[in-house]
Amino acid sequence: MATMIHALCKDFDMINMTLEVDPLRGRHTGQFIAQRMKDSYDKWGMQKDSLDMMLRDKASNVKKACDDWGIKSFWLYCPHSSSYC
């Protein structure tokens, strides 16, 4: 799972940062993924309220993780696994 930040500065310059890329070991349930997202946010000292929207693939388990955590999300086409997007 990758934790990344995409943001616009006051002067509309785009910021893109990859904070971590960590393999998910275990069953990839929505509950498991939501907990890993929460753990990543805690690790980096981020607050859920600072998140405007989660960009994700179209997998139902990731959508469920976002829904269960109570965050808005939007899926993006991901060519690396087009059979899942």
PDB file of N, CA and C in Angstrom:
ATOM      1  N   MET A   1       0.848  -1.153   0.000  1.00  0.00           N
ATOM      2  CA  MET A   1       0.000   0.000   0.000  1.00  0.00           C
ATOM      3  C   MET A   1       0.903   1.228   0.000  1.00  0.00           C
ATOM      4  N   ALA A   2       0.560   2.195  -0.822  1.00  0.00           N
ATOM      5  CA  ALA A   2       1.325   3.438  -0.893  1.00  0.00           C
ATOM      6  C   ALA A   2       0.572   4.550  -0.180  1.00  0.00           C
ATOM      7  N   THR A   3       1.309   5.320   0.600  1.00  0.00           N
ATOM      8  CA  THR A   3       0.752   6.519   1.220  1.00  0.00           C
ATOM      9  C   THR A   3       1.404   7.700   0.525  1.00  0.00           C
ATOM     10  N   MET A   4       0.563   8.458  -0.172  1.00  0.00           N
ATOM     11  CA  MET A   4       1.055   9.580  -0.971  1.00  0.00           C
ATOM     12  C   MET A   4       0.242  10.830  -0.658  1.00  0.00           C
ATOM     13  N   ILE A   5       0.861  11.978  -0.889  1.00  0.00           N
ATOM     14  CA  ILE A   5       0.176  13.264  -0.710  1.00  0.00           C
ATOM     15  C   ILE A   5       0.236  14.010  -2.032  1.00  0.00           C
ATOM     16  N   HIS A   6      -0.914  14.518  -2.458  1.00  0.00           N
ATOM     17  CA  HIS A   6      -1.010  15.395  -3.625  1.00  0.00           C
ATOM     18  C   HIS A   6      -1.739  16.647  -3.150  1.00  0.00           C
ATOM     19  N   ALA A   7      -1.161  17.798  -3.386  1.00  0.00           N
ATOM     20  CA  ALA A   7      -1.777  19.026  -2.890  1.00  0.00           C
ATOM     21  C   ALA A   7      -1.416  20.201  -3.795  1.00  0.00           C
ATOM     22  N   LEU A   8      -2.216  21.252  -3.662  1.00  0.00           N
ATOM     23  CA  LEU A   8      -1.928  22.519  -4.334  1.00  0.00           C
ATOM     24  C   LEU A   8      -1.495  23.543  -3.289  1.00  0.00           C
ATOM     25  N   CYS A   9      -0.432  24.258  -3.579  1.00  0.00           N
ATOM     26  CA  CYS A   9       0.019  25.344  -2.704  1.00  0.00           C
ATOM     27  C   CYS A   9      -0.824  26.588  -2.974  1.00  0.00           C
ATOM     28  N   LYS A  10      -0.623  27.614  -2.169  1.00  0.00           N
ATOM     29  CA  LYS A  10      -1.370  28.859  -2.354  1.00  0.00           C
ATOM     30  C   LYS A  10      -1.160  29.452  -3.740  1.00  0.00           C
ATOM     31  N   ASP A  11       0.038  29.258  -4.312  1.00  0.00           N
ATOM     32  CA  ASP A  11       0.315  29.779  -5.656  1.00  0.00           C
ATOM     33  C   ASP A  11      -0.027  28.752  -6.750  1.00  0.00           C
ATOM     34  N   PHE A  12      -0.771  27.699  -6.375  1.00  0.00           N
ATOM     35  CA  PHE A  12      -1.260  26.651  -7.271  1.00  0.00           C
ATOM     36  C   PHE A  12      -0.164  25.757  -7.837  1.00  0.00           C
ATOM     37  N   ASP A  13       1.009  25.757  -7.216  1.00  0.00           N
ATOM     38  CA  ASP A  13       2.018  24.768  -7.574  1.00  0.00           C
ATOM     39  C   ASP A  13       1.583  23.433  -6.985  1.00  0.00           C
ATOM     40  N   MET A  14       1.773  22.371  -7.758  1.00  0.00           N
ATOM     41  CA  MET A  14       1.376  21.032  -7.327  1.00  0.00           C
ATOM     42  C   MET A  14       2.494  20.389  -6.510  1.00  0.00           C
ATOM     43  N   ILE A  15       2.111  19.733  -5.424  1.00  0.00           N
ATOM     44  CA  ILE A  15       3.040  18.979  -4.593  1.00  0.00           C
ATOM     45  C   ILE A  15       2.627  17.513  -4.661  1.00  0.00           C
ATOM     46  N   ASN A  16       3.592  16.641  -4.918  1.00  0.00           N
ATOM     47  CA  ASN A  16       3.371  15.199  -4.921  1.00  0.00           C
ATOM     48  C   ASN A  16       4.477  14.563  -4.098  1.00  0.00           C
ATOM     49  N   MET A  17       4.111  13.843  -3.051  1.00  0.00           N
ATOM     50  CA  MET A  17       5.100  13.187  -2.207  1.00  0.00           C
ATOM     51  C   MET A  17       4.654  11.759  -1.901  1.00  0.00           C
ATOM     52  N   THR A  18       5.576  10.829  -2.018  1.00  0.00           N
ATOM     53  CA  THR A  18       5.332   9.462  -1.570  1.00  0.00           C
ATOM     54  C   THR A  18       5.932   9.334  -0.184  1.00  0.00           C
ATOM     55  N   LEU A  19       5.081   9.060   0.809  1.00  0.00           N
ATOM     56  CA  LEU A  19       5.555   8.938   2.178  1.00  0.00           C
ATOM     57  C   LEU A  19       6.053   7.528   2.482  1.00  0.00           C
ATOM     58  N   GLU A  20       5.336   6.531   1.975  1.00  0.00           N
ATOM     59  CA  GLU A  20       5.774   5.152   2.201  1.00  0.00           C
ATOM     60  C   GLU A  20       5.108   4.229   1.201  1.00  0.00           C
ATOM     61  N   VAL A  21       5.765   3.121   0.947  1.00  0.00           N
ATOM     62  CA  VAL A  21       5.206   2.019   0.167  1.00  0.00           C
ATOM     63  C   VAL A  21       5.467   0.773   1.001  1.00  0.00           C
ATOM     64  N   ASP A  22       4.398   0.139   1.426  1.00  0.00           N
ATOM     65  CA  ASP A  22       4.504  -0.971   2.360  1.00  0.00           C
ATOM     66  C   ASP A  22       3.643  -2.127   1.860  1.00  0.00           C
ATOM     67  N   PRO A  23       4.221  -3.340   1.734  1.00  0.00           N
ATOM     68  CA  PRO A  23       3.405  -4.468   1.277  1.00  0.00           C
ATOM     69  C   PRO A  23       2.333  -4.820   2.300  1.00  0.00           C
ATOM     70  N   LEU A  24       1.181  -5.212   1.798  1.00  0.00           N
ATOM     71  CA  LEU A  24       0.094  -5.651   2.679  1.00  0.00           C
ATOM     72  C   LEU A  24       0.168  -7.160   2.816  1.00  0.00           C
ATOM     73  N   ARG A  25       0.411  -7.603   4.021  1.00  0.00           N
ATOM     74  CA  ARG A  25       0.451  -9.036   4.290  1.00  0.00           C
ATOM     75  C   ARG A  25      -0.808  -9.403   5.062  1.00  0.00           C
ATOM     76  N   GLY A  26      -1.512 -10.394   4.587  1.00  0.00           N
ATOM     77  CA  GLY A  26      -2.763 -10.792   5.215  1.00  0.00           C
ATOM     78  C   GLY A  26      -3.897 -10.690   4.216  1.00  0.00           C
ATOM     79  N   ARG A  27      -5.094 -10.958   4.687  1.00  0.00           N
ATOM     80  CA  ARG A  27      -6.276 -10.861   3.833  1.00  0.00           C
ATOM     81  C   ARG A  27      -6.589  -9.394   3.567  1.00  0.00           C
ATOM     82  N   HIS A  28      -6.808  -9.066   2.347  1.00  0.00           N
ATOM     83  CA  HIS A  28      -7.038  -7.677   1.944  1.00  0.00           C
ATOM     84  C   HIS A  28      -8.515  -7.317   2.074  1.00  0.00           C
ATOM     85  N   THR A  29      -9.045  -7.424   3.277  1.00  0.00           N
ATOM     86  CA  THR A  29     -10.433  -7.047   3.523  1.00  0.00           C
ATOM     87  C   THR A  29     -10.515  -5.531   3.695  1.00  0.00           C
ATOM     88  N   GLY A  30     -11.723  -5.001   3.562  1.00  0.00           N
ATOM     89  CA  GLY A  30     -11.914  -3.570   3.780  1.00  0.00           C
ATOM     90  C   GLY A  30     -11.483  -3.152   5.178  1.00  0.00           C
ATOM     91  N   GLN A  31     -11.803  -3.974   6.166  1.00  0.00           N
ATOM     92  CA  GLN A  31     -11.445  -3.671   7.555  1.00  0.00           C
ATOM     93  C   GLN A  31      -9.921  -3.645   7.731  1.00  0.00           C
ATOM     94  N   PHE A  32      -9.227  -4.607   7.138  1.00  0.00           N
ATOM     95  CA  PHE A  32      -7.766  -4.677   7.224  1.00  0.00           C
ATOM     96  C   PHE A  32      -7.127  -3.449   6.573  1.00  0.00           C
ATOM     97  N   ILE A  33      -7.605  -3.105   5.376  1.00  0.00           N
ATOM     98  CA  ILE A  33      -7.043  -1.958   4.656  1.00  0.00           C
ATOM     99  C   ILE A  33      -7.331  -0.656   5.406  1.00  0.00           C
ATOM    100  N   ALA A  34      -8.540  -0.497   5.951  1.00  0.00           N
ATOM    101  CA  ALA A  34      -8.870   0.711   6.716  1.00  0.00           C
ATOM    102  C   ALA A  34      -7.928   0.849   7.917  1.00  0.00           C
ATOM    103  N   GLN A  35      -7.654  -0.247   8.600  1.00  0.00           N
ATOM    104  CA  GLN A  35      -6.751  -0.184   9.754  1.00  0.00           C
ATOM    105  C   GLN A  35      -5.339   0.197   9.325  1.00  0.00           C
ATOM    106  N   ARG A  36      -4.886  -0.336   8.195  1.00  0.00           N
ATOM    107  CA  ARG A  36      -3.551   0.015   7.696  1.00  0.00           C
ATOM    108  C   ARG A  36      -3.482   1.484   7.285  1.00  0.00           C
ATOM    109  N   MET A  37      -4.575   2.010   6.709  1.00  0.00           N
ATOM    110  CA  MET A  37      -4.604   3.438   6.368  1.00  0.00           C
ATOM    111  C   MET A  37      -4.522   4.272   7.643  1.00  0.00           C
ATOM    112  N   LYS A  38      -5.284   3.894   8.657  1.00  0.00           N
ATOM    113  CA  LYS A  38      -5.253   4.617   9.938  1.00  0.00           C
ATOM    114  C   LYS A  38      -3.861   4.553  10.547  1.00  0.00           C
ATOM    115  N   ASP A  39      -3.239   3.382  10.515  1.00  0.00           N
ATOM    116  CA  ASP A  39      -1.884   3.222  11.059  1.00  0.00           C
ATOM    117  C   ASP A  39      -0.893   4.130  10.337  1.00  0.00           C
ATOM    118  N   SER A  40      -1.016   4.208   9.020  1.00  0.00           N
ATOM    119  CA  SER A  40      -0.122   5.059   8.235  1.00  0.00           C
ATOM    120  C   SER A  40      -0.314   6.531   8.590  1.00  0.00           C
ATOM    121  N   TYR A  41      -1.563   6.952   8.719  1.00  0.00           N
ATOM    122  CA  TYR A  41      -1.834   8.340   9.108  1.00  0.00           C
ATOM    123  C   TYR A  41      -1.249   8.644  10.477  1.00  0.00           C
ATOM    124  N   ASP A  42      -1.435   7.731  11.419  1.00  0.00           N
ATOM    125  CA  ASP A  42      -0.871   7.926  12.759  1.00  0.00           C
ATOM    126  C   ASP A  42       0.650   8.007  12.703  1.00  0.00           C
ATOM    127  N   LYS A  43       1.257   7.122  11.932  1.00  0.00           N
ATOM    128  CA  LYS A  43       2.718   7.082  11.815  1.00  0.00           C
ATOM    129  C   LYS A  43       3.282   8.414  11.319  1.00  0.00           C
ATOM    130  N   TRP A  44       2.586   9.047  10.374  1.00  0.00           N
ATOM    131  CA  TRP A  44       3.049  10.295   9.782  1.00  0.00           C
ATOM    132  C   TRP A  44       2.484  11.529  10.477  1.00  0.00           C
ATOM    133  N   GLY A  45       1.727  11.333  11.549  1.00  0.00           N
ATOM    134  CA  GLY A  45       1.195  12.465  12.304  1.00  0.00           C
ATOM    135  C   GLY A  45       0.128  13.251  11.567  1.00  0.00           C
ATOM    136  N   MET A  46      -0.595  12.574  10.681  1.00  0.00           N
ATOM    137  CA  MET A  46      -1.644  13.247   9.915  1.00  0.00           C
ATOM    138  C   MET A  46      -2.989  13.022  10.585  1.00  0.00           C
ATOM    139  N   GLN A  47      -3.885  13.958  10.400  1.00  0.00           N
ATOM    140  CA  GLN A  47      -5.242  13.864  10.929  1.00  0.00           C
ATOM    141  C   GLN A  47      -6.200  13.552   9.780  1.00  0.00           C
ATOM    142  N   LYS A  48      -7.168  12.681  10.048  1.00  0.00           N
ATOM    143  CA  LYS A  48      -8.146  12.322   9.017  1.00  0.00           C
ATOM    144  C   LYS A  48      -8.879  13.563   8.504  1.00  0.00           C
ATOM    145  N   ASP A  49      -9.109  14.537   9.377  1.00  0.00           N
ATOM    146  CA  ASP A  49      -9.818  15.757   8.977  1.00  0.00           C
ATOM    147  C   ASP A  49      -9.059  16.561   7.924  1.00  0.00           C
ATOM    148  N   SER A  50      -7.742  16.342   7.814  1.00  0.00           N
ATOM    149  CA  SER A  50      -6.953  17.068   6.821  1.00  0.00           C
ATOM    150  C   SER A  50      -7.070  16.452   5.425  1.00  0.00           C
ATOM    151  N   LEU A  51      -7.693  15.291   5.328  1.00  0.00           N
ATOM    152  CA  LEU A  51      -7.840  14.601   4.053  1.00  0.00           C
ATOM    153  C   LEU A  51      -9.084  15.110   3.337  1.00  0.00           C
ATOM    154  N   ASP A  52      -8.898  15.621   2.132  1.00  0.00           N
ATOM    155  CA  ASP A  52     -10.039  16.090   1.354  1.00  0.00           C
ATOM    156  C   ASP A  52     -10.678  14.934   0.583  1.00  0.00           C
ATOM    157  N   MET A  53      -9.850  14.087  -0.029  1.00  0.00           N
ATOM    158  CA  MET A  53     -10.375  12.959  -0.783  1.00  0.00           C
ATOM    159  C   MET A  53      -9.281  11.913  -0.952  1.00  0.00           C
ATOM    160  N   MET A  54      -9.661  10.651  -0.871  1.00  0.00           N
ATOM    161  CA  MET A  54      -8.741   9.534  -1.098  1.00  0.00           C
ATOM    162  C   MET A  54      -8.857   9.112  -2.551  1.00  0.00           C
ATOM    163  N   LEU A  55      -7.736   9.071  -3.252  1.00  0.00           N
ATOM    164  CA  LEU A  55      -7.705   8.538  -4.614  1.00  0.00           C
ATOM    165  C   LEU A  55      -7.340   7.069  -4.499  1.00  0.00           C
ATOM    166  N   ARG A  56      -8.098   6.212  -5.166  1.00  0.00           N
ATOM    167  CA  ARG A  56      -7.933   4.773  -4.999  1.00  0.00           C
ATOM    168  C   ARG A  56      -8.204   4.062  -6.313  1.00  0.00           C
ATOM    169  N   ASP A  57      -7.895   2.761  -6.334  1.00  0.00           N
ATOM    170  CA  ASP A  57      -8.296   1.967  -7.491  1.00  0.00           C
ATOM    171  C   ASP A  57      -9.764   1.576  -7.318  1.00  0.00           C
ATOM    172  N   LYS A  58     -10.289   0.799  -8.235  1.00  0.00           N
ATOM    173  CA  LYS A  58     -11.725   0.503  -8.221  1.00  0.00           C
ATOM    174  C   LYS A  58     -12.075  -0.737  -7.391  1.00  0.00           C
ATOM    175  N   ALA A  59     -11.092  -1.313  -6.715  1.00  0.00           N
ATOM    176  CA  ALA A  59     -11.332  -2.523  -5.939  1.00  0.00           C
ATOM    177  C   ALA A  59     -12.361  -2.260  -4.836  1.00  0.00           C
ATOM    178  N   SER A  60     -13.300  -3.196  -4.693  1.00  0.00           N
ATOM    179  CA  SER A  60     -14.380  -3.014  -3.723  1.00  0.00           C
ATOM    180  C   SER A  60     -13.882  -2.995  -2.283  1.00  0.00           C
ATOM    181  N   ASN A  61     -12.773  -3.702  -1.995  1.00  0.00           N
ATOM    182  CA  ASN A  61     -12.263  -3.709  -0.624  1.00  0.00           C
ATOM    183  C   ASN A  61     -11.687  -2.349  -0.231  1.00  0.00           C
ATOM    184  N   VAL A  62     -11.091  -1.639  -1.168  1.00  0.00           N
ATOM    185  CA  VAL A  62     -10.546  -0.310  -0.870  1.00  0.00           C
ATOM    186  C   VAL A  62     -11.695   0.698  -0.736  1.00  0.00           C
ATOM    187  N   LYS A  63     -12.709   0.572  -1.574  1.00  0.00           N
ATOM    188  CA  LYS A  63     -13.883   1.439  -1.433  1.00  0.00           C
ATOM    189  C   LYS A  63     -14.529   1.229  -0.066  1.00  0.00           C
ATOM    190  N   LYS A  64     -14.661  -0.043   0.349  1.00  0.00           N
ATOM    191  CA  LYS A  64     -15.242  -0.342   1.658  1.00  0.00           C
ATOM    192  C   LYS A  64     -14.383   0.238   2.776  1.00  0.00           C
ATOM    193  N   ALA A  65     -13.075   0.136   2.647  1.00  0.00           N
ATOM    194  CA  ALA A  65     -12.178   0.703   3.665  1.00  0.00           C
ATOM    195  C   ALA A  65     -12.407   2.206   3.809  1.00  0.00           C
ATOM    196  N   CYS A  66     -12.525   2.910   2.693  1.00  0.00           N
ATOM    197  CA  CYS A  66     -12.780   4.357   2.722  1.00  0.00           C
ATOM    198  C   CYS A  66     -14.150   4.655   3.327  1.00  0.00           C
ATOM    199  N   ASP A  67     -15.151   3.912   2.902  1.00  0.00           N
ATOM    200  CA  ASP A  67     -16.501   4.114   3.434  1.00  0.00           C
ATOM    201  C   ASP A  67     -16.546   3.849   4.934  1.00  0.00           C
ATOM    202  N   ASP A  68     -15.927   2.747   5.363  1.00  0.00           N
ATOM    203  CA  ASP A  68     -15.922   2.401   6.794  1.00  0.00           C
ATOM    204  C   ASP A  68     -15.180   3.435   7.626  1.00  0.00           C
ATOM    205  N   TRP A  69     -14.129   4.018   7.056  1.00  0.00           N
ATOM    206  CA  TRP A  69     -13.335   5.019   7.776  1.00  0.00           C
ATOM    207  C   TRP A  69     -14.004   6.394   7.723  1.00  0.00           C
ATOM    208  N   GLY A  70     -15.007   6.525   6.848  1.00  0.00           N
ATOM    209  CA  GLY A  70     -15.755   7.777   6.759  1.00  0.00           C
ATOM    210  C   GLY A  70     -15.054   8.865   5.965  1.00  0.00           C
ATOM    211  N   ILE A  71     -14.345   8.472   4.903  1.00  0.00           N
ATOM    212  CA  ILE A  71     -13.661   9.463   4.075  1.00  0.00           C
ATOM    213  C   ILE A  71     -14.184   9.392   2.644  1.00  0.00           C
ATOM    214  N   LYS A  72     -14.240  10.544   1.992  1.00  0.00           N
ATOM    215  CA  LYS A  72     -14.631  10.587   0.587  1.00  0.00           C
ATOM    216  C   LYS A  72     -13.525   9.947  -0.235  1.00  0.00           C
ATOM    217  N   SER A  73     -13.923   9.258  -1.296  1.00  0.00           N
ATOM    218  CA  SER A  73     -12.917   8.655  -2.160  1.00  0.00           C
ATOM    219  C   SER A  73     -13.389   8.711  -3.606  1.00  0.00           C
ATOM    220  N   PHE A  74     -12.421   8.589  -4.489  1.00  0.00           N
ATOM    221  CA  PHE A  74     -12.695   8.605  -5.917  1.00  0.00           C
ATOM    222  C   PHE A  74     -11.737   7.621  -6.572  1.00  0.00           C
ATOM    223  N   TRP A  75     -12.263   6.780  -7.473  1.00  0.00           N
ATOM    224  CA  TRP A  75     -11.370   5.815  -8.122  1.00  0.00           C
ATOM    225  C   TRP A  75     -10.778   6.393  -9.393  1.00  0.00           C
ATOM    226  N   LEU A  76      -9.546   6.007  -9.633  1.00  0.00           N
ATOM    227  CA  LEU A  76      -8.825   6.393 -10.833  1.00  0.00           C
ATOM    228  C   LEU A  76      -8.509   5.147 -11.641  1.00  0.00           C
ATOM    229  N   TYR A  77      -8.503   5.283 -12.940  1.00  0.00           N
ATOM    230  CA  TYR A  77      -8.099   4.173 -13.798  1.00  0.00           C
ATOM    231  C   TYR A  77      -6.647   3.827 -13.492  1.00  0.00           C
ATOM    232  N   CYS A  78      -6.371   2.560 -13.293  1.00  0.00           N
ATOM    233  CA  CYS A  78      -4.997   2.140 -13.002  1.00  0.00           C
ATOM    234  C   CYS A  78      -4.582   1.079 -14.019  1.00  0.00           C
ATOM    235  N   PRO A  79      -3.760   1.441 -14.988  1.00  0.00           N
ATOM    236  CA  PRO A  79      -3.392   0.515 -16.065  1.00  0.00           C
ATOM    237  C   PRO A  79      -2.567  -0.677 -15.592  1.00  0.00           C
ATOM    238  N   HIS A  80      -1.965  -0.598 -14.403  1.00  0.00           N
ATOM    239  CA  HIS A  80      -1.134  -1.710 -13.921  1.00  0.00           C
ATOM    240  C   HIS A  80      -1.965  -2.946 -13.604  1.00  0.00           C
ATOM    241  N   SER A  81      -3.255  -2.779 -13.395  1.00  0.00           N
ATOM    242  CA  SER A  81      -4.115  -3.938 -13.095  1.00  0.00           C
ATOM    243  C   SER A  81      -5.502  -3.695 -13.703  1.00  0.00           C
ATOM    244  N   SER A  82      -5.524  -3.507 -15.012  1.00  0.00           N
ATOM    245  CA  SER A  82      -6.773  -3.103 -15.654  1.00  0.00           C
ATOM    246  C   SER A  82      -7.901  -4.114 -15.449  1.00  0.00           C
ATOM    247  N   SER A  83      -7.591  -5.353 -15.151  1.00  0.00           N
ATOM    248  CA  SER A  83      -8.658  -6.303 -14.922  1.00  0.00           C
ATOM    249  C   SER A  83      -9.361  -6.043 -13.592  1.00  0.00           C
ATOM    250  N   TYR A  84      -8.745  -5.277 -12.708  1.00  0.00           N
ATOM    251  CA  TYR A  84      -9.331  -4.970 -11.414  1.00  0.00           C
ATOM    252  C   TYR A  84      -9.896  -3.555 -11.345  1.00  0.00           C
ATOM    253  N   CYS A  85      -9.637  -2.731 -12.308  1.00  0.00           N
ATOM    254  CA  CYS A  85     -10.071  -1.332 -12.253  1.00  0.00           C
ATOM    255  C   CYS A  85     -11.326  -1.118 -13.070  1.00  0.00           C
TER     256      CYS A  85
END
